C-alpha atoms as a PDB file:
ATOM      1  CA  SER A   1     -58.452 -76.676  23.569  1.00  0.00           C
ATOM      2  CA  TYR A   2     -57.990 -79.167  20.748  1.00  0.00           C
ATOM      3  CA  THR A   3     -59.110 -82.755  20.340  1.00  0.00           C
ATOM      4  CA  ALA A   4     -55.883 -83.806  18.600  1.00  0.00           C
ATOM      5  CA  ALA A   5     -52.300 -82.574  18.294  1.00  0.00           C
ATOM      6  CA  ASP A   6     -52.626 -82.592  14.505  1.00  0.00           C
ATOM      7  CA  ASN A   7     -55.283 -79.881  14.753  1.00  0.00           C
ATOM      8  CA  VAL A   8     -52.962 -77.727  16.859  1.00  0.00           C
ATOM      9  CA  VAL A   9     -50.162 -78.111  14.330  1.00  0.00           C
ATOM     10  CA  ALA A  10     -52.547 -77.267  11.471  1.00  0.00           C
ATOM     11  CA  ASP A  11     -53.605 -74.027  13.176  1.00  0.00           C
ATOM     12  CA  LEU A  12     -49.997 -73.200  14.045  1.00  0.00           C
ATOM     13  CA  THR A  13     -48.778 -73.594  10.469  1.00  0.00           C
ATOM     14  CA  ALA A  14     -51.816 -71.734   9.086  1.00  0.00           C
ATOM     15  CA  GLY A  15     -51.023 -68.778  11.353  1.00  0.00           C
ATOM     16  CA  ARG A  16     -54.276 -69.031  13.318  1.00  0.00           C
ATOM     17  CA  ILE A  17     -52.330 -69.421  16.572  1.00  0.00           C
ATOM     18  CA  ASP A  18     -48.931 -68.050  17.568  1.00  0.00           C
ATOM     19  CA  TYR A  19     -47.675 -70.865  19.763  1.00  0.00           C
ATOM     20  CA  ALA A  20     -48.582 -74.342  20.914  1.00  0.00           C
ATOM     21  CA  LEU A  21     -48.217 -75.998  24.282  1.00  0.00           C
ATOM     22  CA  LEU A  22     -47.972 -79.741  23.661  1.00  0.00           C
ATOM     23  CA  PRO A  23     -46.329 -82.835  25.089  1.00  0.00           C
ATOM     24  CA  ALA A  24     -42.927 -83.177  23.440  1.00  0.00           C
ATOM     25  CA  GLN A  25     -43.794 -86.543  21.883  1.00  0.00           C
ATOM     26  CA  PHE A  26     -46.569 -84.860  19.867  1.00  0.00           C
ATOM     27  CA  ILE A  27     -44.652 -81.807  18.660  1.00  0.00           C
ATOM     28  CA  GLN A  28     -41.249 -83.366  17.956  1.00  0.00           C
ATOM     29  CA  PRO A  29     -42.264 -85.244  14.765  1.00  0.00           C
ATOM     30  CA  PHE A  30     -43.591 -81.948  13.379  1.00  0.00           C
ATOM     31  CA  LEU A  31     -40.418 -80.083  14.357  1.00  0.00           C
ATOM     32  CA  ASP A  32     -38.350 -82.799  12.641  1.00  0.00           C
ATOM     33  CA  SER A  33     -40.364 -82.483   9.415  1.00  0.00           C
ATOM     34  CA  LYS A  34     -39.828 -80.129   6.476  1.00  0.00           C
ATOM     35  CA  GLU A  35     -42.994 -78.244   7.462  1.00  0.00           C
ATOM     36  CA  GLY A  36     -41.654 -77.723  10.982  1.00  0.00           C
ATOM     37  CA  ALA A  37     -38.330 -76.238   9.869  1.00  0.00           C
ATOM     38  CA  ASP A  38     -39.447 -72.696  10.774  1.00  0.00           C
ATOM     39  CA  TYR A  39     -40.417 -73.663  14.340  1.00  0.00           C
ATOM     40  CA  GLU A  40     -38.481 -74.493  17.465  1.00  0.00           C
ATOM     41  CA  VAL A  41     -39.041 -75.397  21.101  1.00  0.00           C
ATOM     42  CA  LYS A  42     -38.633 -72.323  23.256  1.00  0.00           C
ATOM     43  CA  HIS A  43     -39.367 -73.742  26.687  1.00  0.00           C
ATOM     44  CA  GLN A  44     -39.698 -77.134  28.307  1.00  0.00           C
ATOM     45  CA  VAL A  45     -41.514 -77.753  31.539  1.00  0.00           C
ATOM     46  CA  PRO A  46     -39.186 -79.762  33.785  1.00  0.00           C
ATOM     47  CA  GLY A  47     -40.052 -83.438  33.916  1.00  0.00           C
ATOM     48  CA  ASN A  48     -41.397 -84.993  37.089  1.00  0.00           C
ATOM     49  CA  VAL A  49     -43.325 -88.088  38.096  1.00  0.00           C
ATOM     50  CA  ILE A  50     -46.661 -86.416  37.367  1.00  0.00           C
ATOM     51  CA  LEU A  51     -45.871 -84.783  34.031  1.00  0.00           C
ATOM     52  CA  GLY A  52     -43.408 -87.393  32.819  1.00  0.00           C
ATOM     53  CA  GLU A  53     -41.029 -85.832  30.324  1.00  0.00           C
ATOM     54  CA  GLY A  54     -42.878 -82.526  30.515  1.00  0.00           C
ATOM     55  CA  ILE A  55     -44.456 -80.343  27.878  1.00  0.00           C
ATOM     56  CA  ALA A  56     -43.144 -77.658  25.569  1.00  0.00           C
ATOM     57  CA  TYR A  57     -44.433 -74.791  23.478  1.00  0.00           C
ATOM     58  CA  ALA A  58     -43.302 -73.841  20.009  1.00  0.00           C
ATOM     59  CA  VAL A  59     -43.067 -70.335  18.612  1.00  0.00           C
ATOM     60  CA  ARG A  60     -42.308 -69.473  15.005  1.00  0.00           C
ATOM     61  CA  LYS A  61     -38.576 -68.788  14.590  1.00  0.00           C
ATOM     62  CA  GLY A  62     -37.941 -65.084  14.633  1.00  0.00           C
ATOM     63  CA  ASP A  63     -41.272 -64.235  16.314  1.00  0.00           C
ATOM     64  CA  SER A  64     -39.565 -62.441  19.162  1.00  0.00           C
ATOM     65  CA  GLU A  65     -42.666 -60.379  19.982  1.00  0.00           C
ATOM     66  CA  THR A  66     -44.779 -63.443  20.835  1.00  0.00           C
ATOM     67  CA  LEU A  67     -41.884 -65.137  22.599  1.00  0.00           C
ATOM     68  CA  GLN A  68     -41.248 -62.036  24.725  1.00  0.00           C
ATOM     69  CA  LYS A  69     -44.924 -61.858  25.727  1.00  0.00           C
ATOM     70  CA  ILE A  70     -44.946 -65.509  26.779  1.00  0.00           C
ATOM     71  CA  ASP A  71     -41.630 -65.294  28.613  1.00  0.00           C
ATOM     72  CA  THR A  72     -42.701 -62.112  30.418  1.00  0.00           C
ATOM     73  CA  VAL A  73     -45.948 -63.628  31.663  1.00  0.00           C
ATOM     74  CA  LEU A  74     -44.257 -66.868  32.732  1.00  0.00           C
ATOM     75  CA  ALA A  75     -41.582 -64.912  34.603  1.00  0.00           C
ATOM     76  CA  GLU A  76     -44.243 -62.816  36.361  1.00  0.00           C
ATOM     77  CA  LEU A  77     -46.229 -65.917  37.308  1.00  0.00           C
ATOM     78  CA  ALA A  78     -43.102 -67.596  38.650  1.00  0.00           C
ATOM     79  CA  GLN A  79     -41.985 -64.485  40.543  1.00  0.00           C
ATOM     80  CA  ASN A  80     -45.312 -63.874  42.265  1.00  0.00           C
ATOM     81  CA  GLY A  81     -45.754 -67.522  43.238  1.00  0.00           C
ATOM     82  CA  VAL A  82     -48.735 -68.307  41.010  1.00  0.00           C
ATOM     83  CA  ILE A  83     -47.010 -71.182  39.206  1.00  0.00           C
ATOM     84  CA  GLU A  84     -45.887 -72.801  42.453  1.00  0.00           C
ATOM     85  CA  ALA A  85     -49.382 -72.377  43.934  1.00  0.00           C
ATOM     86  CA  MET A  86     -50.907 -74.036  40.871  1.00  0.00           C
ATOM     87  CA  VAL A  87     -48.429 -76.919  41.066  1.00  0.00           C
ATOM     88  CA  GLN A  88     -49.212 -77.425  44.743  1.00  0.00           C
ATOM     89  CA  LYS A  89     -52.975 -77.256  44.158  1.00  0.00           C
ATOM     90  CA  TRP A  90     -53.333 -79.334  40.998  1.00  0.00           C
ATOM     91  CA  PHE A  91     -50.525 -81.862  41.470  1.00  0.00           C
ATOM     92  CA  PHE A  92     -50.349 -82.253  45.226  1.00  0.00           C
ATOM     93  CA  GLY A  93     -53.876 -81.277  46.344  1.00  0.00           C
ATOM     94  CA  LYS A  94     -52.623 -78.484  48.585  1.00  0.00           C
ATOM     95  CA  GLU A  95     -54.380 -75.114  48.668  1.00  0.00           C
END
């Protein structure tokens, strides 16, 4: 957990973290900058009335190992219903 998006970007570029999950409006200026040239958005959470435009995570270009780990876990969570259960619980108050 970070207090500011700038701190996340600093840790990302310093190699202290492998990916960042941020609202698009916070990560896009970094991705558009010279410093962000080696990064790209790999996934966007679909927008809805609760999340607005959604959120995204960035993984260093070419870091297929980290991307595969993230994608595998997300696919497993989606397949076994955990993501849907979390959406229902945290966004719609249903258990």
